[in-house]
Amino acid sequence: MTRSDPTGRRRVLASLGTGLTAAAAGCLGSDGLGGQPTYEEGRVTVSNATSRNATQMSTAAALAQQQPTNSVTSLDPLELRTHEFVVEDGYLGSTIQGTVANTGADRLQFVEVRTRVYDDAGTLLGRYLASTGDLDGDSAWAFQVIVLESPSNIAGYDITVLGTPS
């Protein structure tokens, strides 16, 4: 009586499971869908900016989006047109603002701008995002990402835009 190698069978099943998971998540990409997002770098030039007080920080924390959506992917019709780091008065404080365009003809069900902010040593301080639904074809969206880090701690950021087709 011979015995099959359970380790080899486990490897095959694990590989198959990983491949199916990647395909289901849209990571294999085709027709302008999928793949890893491409981040653009942004510069931060801030002088004499003040941090939020406790009340302002509480409000900002309630409004800041930090949980990314799993159903978004890179889409060819999405174009990140502008972006900049801006310090606003009051609870908004540190923000990243700009515009995203849907250059395609079809409406997009969901659009998400993802940002990552870094200190001057290149250490990741946090991830923040903004999102909108139903972005029509040949239209633009002005976004504002609320960043919870103090402006004096932020040296740079990177940014990308992802979406879900209708």
N, C-alpha and C. Protein backbone atom coordinates (compact mmCIF):
# COMPACT_ATOMS: atom_id res chain seq x y z
N MET A 1 0.83 -1.16 0.00
CA MET A 1 0.00 0.00 0.00
C MET A 1 0.88 1.23 0.00
N THR A 2 0.65 2.14 -0.94
CA THR A 2 1.46 3.35 -1.01
C THR A 2 0.66 4.52 -0.48
N ARG A 3 1.39 5.50 -0.01
CA ARG A 3 0.76 6.67 0.59
C ARG A 3 1.15 7.90 -0.23
N SER A 4 0.16 8.74 -0.58
CA SER A 4 0.46 9.94 -1.35
C SER A 4 1.07 10.99 -0.43
N ASP A 5 1.78 11.92 -1.04
CA ASP A 5 2.45 12.99 -0.29
C ASP A 5 1.46 14.10 0.04
N PRO A 6 1.01 14.24 1.30
CA PRO A 6 0.04 15.27 1.64
C PRO A 6 0.61 16.68 1.51
N THR A 7 1.93 16.82 1.68
CA THR A 7 2.54 18.15 1.55
C THR A 7 2.42 18.66 0.13
N GLY A 8 2.66 17.82 -0.86
CA GLY A 8 2.54 18.23 -2.26
C GLY A 8 1.12 18.61 -2.62
N ARG A 9 0.15 17.83 -2.15
CA ARG A 9 -1.25 18.12 -2.40
C ARG A 9 -1.64 19.45 -1.75
N ARG A 10 -1.16 19.71 -0.55
CA ARG A 10 -1.47 20.97 0.14
C ARG A 10 -0.91 22.17 -0.64
N ARG A 11 0.29 22.01 -1.17
CA ARG A 11 0.88 23.11 -1.94
C ARG A 11 0.06 23.43 -3.19
N VAL A 12 -0.38 22.39 -3.87
CA VAL A 12 -1.19 22.59 -5.08
C VAL A 12 -2.50 23.27 -4.72
N LEU A 13 -3.16 22.81 -3.67
CA LEU A 13 -4.43 23.40 -3.25
C LEU A 13 -4.24 24.85 -2.78
N ALA A 14 -3.16 25.12 -2.06
CA ALA A 14 -2.89 26.49 -1.60
C ALA A 14 -2.63 27.42 -2.79
N SER A 15 -1.87 26.93 -3.77
CA SER A 15 -1.59 27.74 -4.96
C SER A 15 -2.87 28.02 -5.74
N LEU A 16 -3.69 27.00 -5.89
CA LEU A 16 -4.95 27.15 -6.59
C LEU A 16 -5.85 28.15 -5.86
N GLY A 17 -5.92 28.04 -4.54
CA GLY A 17 -6.74 28.95 -3.74
C GLY A 17 -6.25 30.39 -3.85
N THR A 18 -4.93 30.61 -3.85
CA THR A 18 -4.38 31.95 -3.99
C THR A 18 -4.71 32.54 -5.35
N GLY A 19 -4.59 31.73 -6.40
CA GLY A 19 -4.90 32.20 -7.74
C GLY A 19 -6.37 32.57 -7.90
N LEU A 20 -7.26 31.75 -7.35
CA LEU A 20 -8.68 32.05 -7.43
C LEU A 20 -9.04 33.29 -6.63
N THR A 21 -8.42 33.45 -5.46
CA THR A 21 -8.67 34.63 -4.65
C THR A 21 -8.23 35.88 -5.39
N ALA A 22 -7.06 35.85 -6.02
CA ALA A 22 -6.56 37.01 -6.76
C ALA A 22 -7.48 37.34 -7.93
N ALA A 23 -7.96 36.34 -8.62
CA ALA A 23 -8.86 36.58 -9.75
C ALA A 23 -10.18 37.17 -9.27
N ALA A 24 -10.72 36.64 -8.18
CA ALA A 24 -11.98 37.15 -7.65
C ALA A 24 -11.85 38.57 -7.15
N ALA A 25 -10.69 38.94 -6.64
CA ALA A 25 -10.48 40.29 -6.12
C ALA A 25 -10.16 41.29 -7.23
N GLY A 26 -10.03 40.81 -8.45
CA GLY A 26 -9.75 41.72 -9.56
C GLY A 26 -8.29 42.08 -9.68
N CYS A 27 -7.42 41.26 -9.15
CA CYS A 27 -6.01 41.60 -9.14
C CYS A 27 -5.29 41.18 -10.41
N LEU A 28 -5.91 40.41 -11.25
CA LEU A 28 -5.23 39.95 -12.45
C LEU A 28 -5.32 40.96 -13.58
N GLY A 29 -6.33 41.78 -13.57
CA GLY A 29 -6.42 42.91 -14.49
C GLY A 29 -6.65 42.51 -15.93
N SER A 30 -7.56 43.23 -16.59
CA SER A 30 -7.80 43.12 -18.01
C SER A 30 -8.76 44.21 -18.40
N ASP A 31 -8.70 44.65 -19.62
CA ASP A 31 -9.62 45.67 -20.13
C ASP A 31 -9.64 46.93 -19.27
N GLY A 32 -8.47 47.36 -18.77
CA GLY A 32 -8.40 48.57 -17.98
C GLY A 32 -8.79 48.39 -16.54
N LEU A 33 -8.99 47.16 -16.10
CA LEU A 33 -9.36 46.88 -14.72
C LEU A 33 -8.21 46.17 -14.02
N GLY A 34 -8.12 46.35 -12.72
CA GLY A 34 -7.23 45.56 -11.90
C GLY A 34 -5.81 46.07 -11.86
N GLY A 35 -4.97 45.26 -11.26
CA GLY A 35 -3.58 45.62 -11.10
C GLY A 35 -3.37 46.46 -9.85
N GLN A 36 -2.14 46.70 -9.54
CA GLN A 36 -1.80 47.51 -8.39
C GLN A 36 -1.93 48.99 -8.73
N PRO A 37 -2.43 49.79 -7.78
CA PRO A 37 -2.55 51.22 -8.05
C PRO A 37 -1.17 51.87 -8.18
N THR A 38 -1.12 52.92 -8.98
CA THR A 38 0.10 53.69 -9.14
C THR A 38 -0.07 54.97 -8.34
N TYR A 39 0.86 55.20 -7.42
CA TYR A 39 0.80 56.39 -6.57
C TYR A 39 1.69 57.49 -7.15
N GLU A 40 1.19 58.73 -7.09
CA GLU A 40 1.97 59.92 -7.44
C GLU A 40 2.46 60.55 -6.14
N GLU A 41 3.64 61.14 -6.18
CA GLU A 41 4.15 61.82 -5.00
C GLU A 41 3.64 63.25 -4.93
N GLY A 42 3.47 63.73 -3.72
CA GLY A 42 3.07 65.11 -3.49
C GLY A 42 4.02 65.76 -2.51
N ARG A 43 4.18 67.05 -2.64
CA ARG A 43 5.08 67.81 -1.77
C ARG A 43 4.28 68.57 -0.72
N VAL A 44 4.91 68.76 0.42
CA VAL A 44 4.31 69.52 1.50
C VAL A 44 5.23 70.67 1.84
N THR A 45 4.75 71.88 1.68
CA THR A 45 5.50 73.07 2.07
C THR A 45 4.60 73.90 2.95
N VAL A 46 4.80 73.76 4.25
CA VAL A 46 3.95 74.43 5.23
C VAL A 46 4.85 75.24 6.16
N SER A 47 4.43 76.47 6.43
CA SER A 47 5.14 77.26 7.42
C SER A 47 4.11 77.93 8.33
N ASN A 48 4.42 77.99 9.61
CA ASN A 48 3.58 78.64 10.60
C ASN A 48 2.16 78.06 10.69
N ALA A 49 2.00 76.79 10.42
CA ALA A 49 0.68 76.15 10.56
C ALA A 49 0.50 75.67 11.99
N THR A 50 -0.69 75.82 12.51
CA THR A 50 -0.96 75.38 13.87
C THR A 50 -1.71 74.06 13.86
N SER A 51 -1.55 73.33 14.94
CA SER A 51 -2.25 72.05 15.09
C SER A 51 -3.68 72.30 15.56
N ARG A 52 -4.55 71.30 15.41
CA ARG A 52 -5.92 71.39 15.89
C ARG A 52 -5.95 71.34 17.42
N ASN A 53 -6.93 71.99 18.01
CA ASN A 53 -7.13 71.82 19.45
C ASN A 53 -7.92 70.53 19.67
N ALA A 54 -8.18 70.16 20.92
CA ALA A 54 -8.82 68.87 21.23
C ALA A 54 -10.21 68.75 20.62
N THR A 55 -11.00 69.81 20.66
CA THR A 55 -12.35 69.77 20.09
C THR A 55 -12.29 69.63 18.57
N GLN A 56 -11.40 70.38 17.94
CA GLN A 56 -11.24 70.30 16.49
C GLN A 56 -10.74 68.91 16.08
N MET A 57 -9.83 68.33 16.86
CA MET A 57 -9.30 67.00 16.54
C MET A 57 -10.40 65.95 16.65
N SER A 58 -11.26 66.08 17.63
CA SER A 58 -12.37 65.15 17.79
C SER A 58 -13.30 65.20 16.58
N THR A 59 -13.61 66.40 16.10
CA THR A 59 -14.46 66.56 14.92
C THR A 59 -13.77 66.00 13.69
N ALA A 60 -12.48 66.32 13.51
CA ALA A 60 -11.73 65.82 12.35
C ALA A 60 -11.67 64.30 12.35
N ALA A 61 -11.44 63.71 13.53
CA ALA A 61 -11.35 62.25 13.62
C ALA A 61 -12.67 61.59 13.26
N ALA A 62 -13.78 62.24 13.60
CA ALA A 62 -15.09 61.69 13.25
C ALA A 62 -15.36 61.75 11.75
N LEU A 63 -14.76 62.72 11.07
CA LEU A 63 -15.02 62.90 9.64
C LEU A 63 -13.96 62.28 8.72
N ALA A 64 -12.76 62.05 9.24
CA ALA A 64 -11.68 61.50 8.41
C ALA A 64 -12.01 60.07 8.01
N GLN A 65 -11.79 59.75 6.74
CA GLN A 65 -12.00 58.39 6.24
C GLN A 65 -10.67 57.66 6.24
N GLN A 66 -10.64 56.48 6.87
CA GLN A 66 -9.40 55.72 6.93
C GLN A 66 -9.56 54.27 6.51
N GLN A 67 -10.78 53.81 6.28
CA GLN A 67 -11.02 52.43 5.90
C GLN A 67 -11.24 52.33 4.39
N PRO A 68 -10.27 51.77 3.67
CA PRO A 68 -10.43 51.65 2.22
C PRO A 68 -11.52 50.65 1.84
N THR A 69 -12.07 50.85 0.66
CA THR A 69 -13.09 49.96 0.12
C THR A 69 -12.39 48.85 -0.67
N ASN A 70 -12.81 47.63 -0.46
CA ASN A 70 -12.19 46.49 -1.14
C ASN A 70 -12.67 46.32 -2.57
N SER A 71 -13.78 46.95 -2.93
CA SER A 71 -14.37 46.72 -4.25
C SER A 71 -13.86 47.68 -5.32
N VAL A 72 -12.81 48.43 -5.05
CA VAL A 72 -12.28 49.37 -6.04
C VAL A 72 -11.01 48.83 -6.67
N THR A 73 -10.72 49.32 -7.85
CA THR A 73 -9.53 48.91 -8.59
C THR A 73 -9.08 50.06 -9.48
N SER A 74 -7.90 49.94 -10.05
CA SER A 74 -7.43 50.94 -11.01
C SER A 74 -8.31 50.88 -12.25
N LEU A 75 -8.75 52.04 -12.73
CA LEU A 75 -9.59 52.12 -13.92
C LEU A 75 -8.97 53.12 -14.89
N ASP A 76 -8.89 52.75 -16.16
CA ASP A 76 -8.31 53.64 -17.18
C ASP A 76 -9.01 55.00 -17.29
N PRO A 77 -10.35 55.08 -17.18
CA PRO A 77 -10.99 56.39 -17.34
C PRO A 77 -10.76 57.36 -16.18
N LEU A 78 -10.23 56.89 -15.05
CA LEU A 78 -10.02 57.78 -13.91
C LEU A 78 -8.67 58.49 -14.05
N GLU A 79 -8.72 59.80 -13.93
CA GLU A 79 -7.51 60.61 -14.06
C GLU A 79 -7.40 61.55 -12.86
N LEU A 80 -6.28 61.49 -12.16
CA LEU A 80 -5.99 62.40 -11.06
C LEU A 80 -5.42 63.67 -11.69
N ARG A 81 -6.24 64.70 -11.77
CA ARG A 81 -5.84 65.92 -12.49
C ARG A 81 -4.97 66.84 -11.64
N THR A 82 -5.40 67.12 -10.41
CA THR A 82 -4.63 68.00 -9.54
C THR A 82 -4.66 67.45 -8.12
N HIS A 83 -3.64 67.81 -7.35
CA HIS A 83 -3.63 67.50 -5.92
C HIS A 83 -2.58 68.37 -5.24
N GLU A 84 -2.90 68.77 -4.00
CA GLU A 84 -1.96 69.56 -3.22
C GLU A 84 -2.29 69.43 -1.74
N PHE A 85 -1.27 69.65 -0.92
CA PHE A 85 -1.44 69.66 0.53
C PHE A 85 -1.86 71.07 0.93
N VAL A 86 -2.97 71.18 1.68
CA VAL A 86 -3.51 72.47 2.08
C VAL A 86 -3.85 72.41 3.56
N VAL A 87 -3.45 73.44 4.32
CA VAL A 87 -3.84 73.54 5.72
C VAL A 87 -5.00 74.51 5.80
N GLU A 88 -6.14 73.99 6.27
CA GLU A 88 -7.36 74.79 6.41
C GLU A 88 -7.51 75.23 7.86
N ASP A 89 -8.29 76.26 8.08
CA ASP A 89 -8.61 76.71 9.43
C ASP A 89 -9.58 75.74 10.09
N GLY A 90 -9.63 75.80 11.42
CA GLY A 90 -10.60 75.03 12.18
C GLY A 90 -10.31 73.54 12.19
N TYR A 91 -11.37 72.76 12.27
CA TYR A 91 -11.23 71.31 12.42
C TYR A 91 -10.61 70.63 11.21
N LEU A 92 -10.71 71.22 10.01
CA LEU A 92 -10.16 70.56 8.83
C LEU A 92 -8.65 70.42 8.93
N GLY A 93 -7.95 71.45 9.32
CA GLY A 93 -6.50 71.36 9.50
C GLY A 93 -5.80 70.82 8.26
N SER A 94 -4.98 69.79 8.42
CA SER A 94 -4.24 69.19 7.31
C SER A 94 -5.20 68.50 6.35
N THR A 95 -5.11 68.86 5.07
CA THR A 95 -5.93 68.22 4.04
C THR A 95 -5.10 68.01 2.78
N ILE A 96 -5.56 67.12 1.97
CA ILE A 96 -5.05 66.97 0.61
C ILE A 96 -6.25 67.17 -0.30
N GLN A 97 -6.15 68.13 -1.20
CA GLN A 97 -7.28 68.51 -2.05
C GLN A 97 -6.88 68.43 -3.51
N GLY A 98 -7.87 68.22 -4.35
CA GLY A 98 -7.61 68.17 -5.79
C GLY A 98 -8.85 67.81 -6.57
N THR A 99 -8.61 67.39 -7.82
CA THR A 99 -9.71 66.98 -8.69
C THR A 99 -9.38 65.67 -9.39
N VAL A 100 -10.44 64.89 -9.57
CA VAL A 100 -10.38 63.62 -10.30
C VAL A 100 -11.37 63.73 -11.44
N ALA A 101 -10.98 63.24 -12.60
CA ALA A 101 -11.87 63.24 -13.76
C ALA A 101 -12.18 61.83 -14.20
N ASN A 102 -13.44 61.63 -14.61
CA ASN A 102 -13.85 60.41 -15.29
C ASN A 102 -13.84 60.75 -16.76
N THR A 103 -12.79 60.35 -17.46
CA THR A 103 -12.63 60.70 -18.87
C THR A 103 -13.39 59.77 -19.80
N GLY A 104 -14.01 58.74 -19.24
CA GLY A 104 -14.79 57.82 -20.05
C GLY A 104 -16.21 58.31 -20.26
N ALA A 105 -16.97 57.57 -21.04
CA ALA A 105 -18.36 57.93 -21.33
C ALA A 105 -19.33 57.35 -20.30
N ASP A 106 -18.92 56.28 -19.61
CA ASP A 106 -19.81 55.59 -18.68
C ASP A 106 -19.67 56.12 -17.26
N ARG A 107 -20.79 56.10 -16.54
CA ARG A 107 -20.80 56.49 -15.13
C ARG A 107 -20.02 55.45 -14.32
N LEU A 108 -19.27 55.93 -13.31
CA LEU A 108 -18.58 55.04 -12.39
C LEU A 108 -19.39 54.98 -11.10
N GLN A 109 -19.58 53.79 -10.60
CA GLN A 109 -20.41 53.58 -9.42
C GLN A 109 -19.78 54.17 -8.16
N PHE A 110 -18.46 54.06 -8.03
CA PHE A 110 -17.77 54.50 -6.81
C PHE A 110 -16.35 54.92 -7.16
N VAL A 111 -15.88 56.01 -6.56
CA VAL A 111 -14.51 56.50 -6.78
C VAL A 111 -13.89 56.78 -5.42
N GLU A 112 -12.64 56.37 -5.25
CA GLU A 112 -11.94 56.55 -3.98
C GLU A 112 -10.54 57.10 -4.24
N VAL A 113 -10.19 58.18 -3.55
CA VAL A 113 -8.84 58.74 -3.57
C VAL A 113 -8.15 58.25 -2.31
N ARG A 114 -7.00 57.61 -2.47
CA ARG A 114 -6.23 57.10 -1.33
C ARG A 114 -4.93 57.88 -1.20
N THR A 115 -4.61 58.26 0.03
CA THR A 115 -3.36 58.98 0.29
C THR A 115 -2.61 58.30 1.43
N ARG A 116 -1.29 58.46 1.39
CA ARG A 116 -0.42 58.01 2.48
C ARG A 116 0.49 59.18 2.81
N VAL A 117 0.60 59.54 4.10
CA VAL A 117 1.43 60.67 4.49
C VAL A 117 2.66 60.17 5.24
N TYR A 118 3.79 60.90 5.06
CA TYR A 118 5.10 60.50 5.59
C TYR A 118 5.77 61.66 6.32
N ASP A 119 6.64 61.31 7.27
CA ASP A 119 7.45 62.33 7.92
C ASP A 119 8.73 62.53 7.12
N ASP A 120 9.64 63.40 7.62
CA ASP A 120 10.85 63.71 6.86
C ASP A 120 11.84 62.55 6.78
N ALA A 121 11.66 61.51 7.60
CA ALA A 121 12.51 60.31 7.52
C ALA A 121 11.90 59.27 6.58
N GLY A 122 10.73 59.56 6.01
CA GLY A 122 10.07 58.62 5.12
C GLY A 122 9.21 57.60 5.83
N THR A 123 8.97 57.79 7.12
CA THR A 123 8.14 56.88 7.89
C THR A 123 6.66 57.17 7.62
N LEU A 124 5.91 56.12 7.36
CA LEU A 124 4.48 56.25 7.12
C LEU A 124 3.79 56.70 8.40
N LEU A 125 3.07 57.82 8.33
CA LEU A 125 2.34 58.34 9.48
C LEU A 125 0.88 57.90 9.48
N GLY A 126 0.29 57.75 8.31
CA GLY A 126 -1.11 57.36 8.25
C GLY A 126 -1.61 57.25 6.82
N ARG A 127 -2.78 56.63 6.69
CA ARG A 127 -3.46 56.47 5.40
C ARG A 127 -4.83 57.12 5.53
N TYR A 128 -5.19 57.92 4.52
CA TYR A 128 -6.45 58.65 4.55
C TYR A 128 -7.05 58.64 3.16
N LEU A 129 -8.38 58.80 3.09
CA LEU A 129 -9.03 58.75 1.79
C LEU A 129 -10.27 59.62 1.75
N ALA A 130 -10.76 59.80 0.54
CA ALA A 130 -12.03 60.47 0.27
C ALA A 130 -12.73 59.63 -0.79
N SER A 131 -14.06 59.65 -0.78
CA SER A 131 -14.79 58.84 -1.75
C SER A 131 -16.07 59.54 -2.18
N THR A 132 -16.54 59.13 -3.34
CA THR A 132 -17.81 59.63 -3.87
C THR A 132 -18.46 58.52 -4.68
N GLY A 133 -19.74 58.62 -4.86
CA GLY A 133 -20.48 57.66 -5.67
C GLY A 133 -21.02 58.31 -6.92
N ASP A 134 -21.27 57.50 -7.93
CA ASP A 134 -21.93 57.93 -9.16
C ASP A 134 -21.25 59.12 -9.83
N LEU A 135 -20.02 58.91 -10.31
CA LEU A 135 -19.30 59.94 -11.05
C LEU A 135 -19.59 59.72 -12.54
N ASP A 136 -20.38 60.63 -13.11
CA ASP A 136 -20.78 60.52 -14.51
C ASP A 136 -19.58 60.57 -15.45
N GLY A 137 -19.77 60.03 -16.66
CA GLY A 137 -18.74 60.12 -17.68
C GLY A 137 -18.50 61.57 -18.06
N ASP A 138 -17.27 61.89 -18.46
CA ASP A 138 -16.88 63.24 -18.86
C ASP A 138 -17.21 64.27 -17.79
N SER A 139 -16.97 63.92 -16.52
CA SER A 139 -17.20 64.86 -15.43
C SER A 139 -16.03 64.79 -14.45
N ALA A 140 -15.99 65.76 -13.53
CA ALA A 140 -14.90 65.83 -12.55
C ALA A 140 -15.48 65.93 -11.15
N TRP A 141 -14.66 65.56 -10.17
CA TRP A 141 -15.03 65.60 -8.77
C TRP A 141 -13.91 66.30 -8.01
N ALA A 142 -14.26 67.31 -7.22
CA ALA A 142 -13.30 68.00 -6.35
C ALA A 142 -13.31 67.29 -5.01
N PHE A 143 -12.19 66.70 -4.64
CA PHE A 143 -12.10 65.93 -3.40
C PHE A 143 -11.33 66.69 -2.33
N GLN A 144 -11.57 66.28 -1.09
CA GLN A 144 -10.83 66.81 0.06
C GLN A 144 -10.63 65.66 1.04
N VAL A 145 -9.37 65.32 1.27
CA VAL A 145 -9.00 64.26 2.19
C VAL A 145 -8.59 64.91 3.51
N ILE A 146 -9.25 64.55 4.61
CA ILE A 146 -8.88 65.06 5.93
C ILE A 146 -7.78 64.16 6.49
N VAL A 147 -6.65 64.79 6.84
CA VAL A 147 -5.48 64.10 7.38
C VAL A 147 -5.38 64.44 8.86
N LEU A 148 -5.25 63.45 9.72
CA LEU A 148 -5.25 63.69 11.15
C LEU A 148 -3.88 64.10 11.72
N GLU A 149 -2.82 63.92 10.98
CA GLU A 149 -1.49 64.30 11.45
C GLU A 149 -1.34 65.81 11.49
N SER A 150 -0.51 66.29 12.40
CA SER A 150 -0.21 67.72 12.48
C SER A 150 0.58 68.14 11.24
N PRO A 151 0.30 69.32 10.67
CA PRO A 151 1.02 69.73 9.46
C PRO A 151 2.53 69.82 9.66
N SER A 152 2.98 70.11 10.87
CA SER A 152 4.42 70.22 11.11
C SER A 152 5.12 68.86 11.07
N ASN A 153 4.38 67.77 11.19
CA ASN A 153 4.96 66.42 11.15
C ASN A 153 5.01 65.82 9.75
N ILE A 154 4.30 66.42 8.81
CA ILE A 154 4.17 65.84 7.47
C ILE A 154 5.19 66.46 6.52
N ALA A 155 5.99 65.61 5.89
CA ALA A 155 6.98 66.08 4.92
C ALA A 155 6.57 65.77 3.48
N GLY A 156 5.72 64.77 3.30
CA GLY A 156 5.31 64.39 1.95
C GLY A 156 4.14 63.44 1.99
N TYR A 157 3.60 63.18 0.81
CA TYR A 157 2.48 62.25 0.69
C TYR A 157 2.53 61.62 -0.69
N ASP A 158 1.78 60.53 -0.84
CA ASP A 158 1.53 60.00 -2.18
C ASP A 158 0.04 59.72 -2.29
N ILE A 159 -0.41 59.60 -3.53
CA ILE A 159 -1.86 59.61 -3.79
C ILE A 159 -2.17 58.78 -5.02
N THR A 160 -3.35 58.16 -5.01
CA THR A 160 -3.84 57.42 -6.16
C THR A 160 -5.36 57.50 -6.18
N VAL A 161 -5.95 57.14 -7.32
CA VAL A 161 -7.41 57.13 -7.43
C VAL A 161 -7.83 55.76 -7.99
N LEU A 162 -8.88 55.19 -7.40
CA LEU A 162 -9.42 53.89 -7.77
C LEU A 162 -10.92 54.01 -7.93
N GLY A 163 -11.55 53.03 -8.57
CA GLY A 163 -12.99 53.10 -8.74
C GLY A 163 -13.64 51.77 -8.99
N THR A 164 -14.96 51.84 -9.10
CA THR A 164 -15.78 50.67 -9.40
C THR A 164 -16.67 51.03 -10.59
N PRO A 165 -16.59 50.29 -11.70
CA PRO A 165 -17.46 50.60 -12.83
C PRO A 165 -18.91 50.26 -12.52
N SER A 166 -19.82 50.88 -13.25
CA SER A 166 -21.26 50.60 -13.07
C SER A 166 -21.63 49.31 -13.75
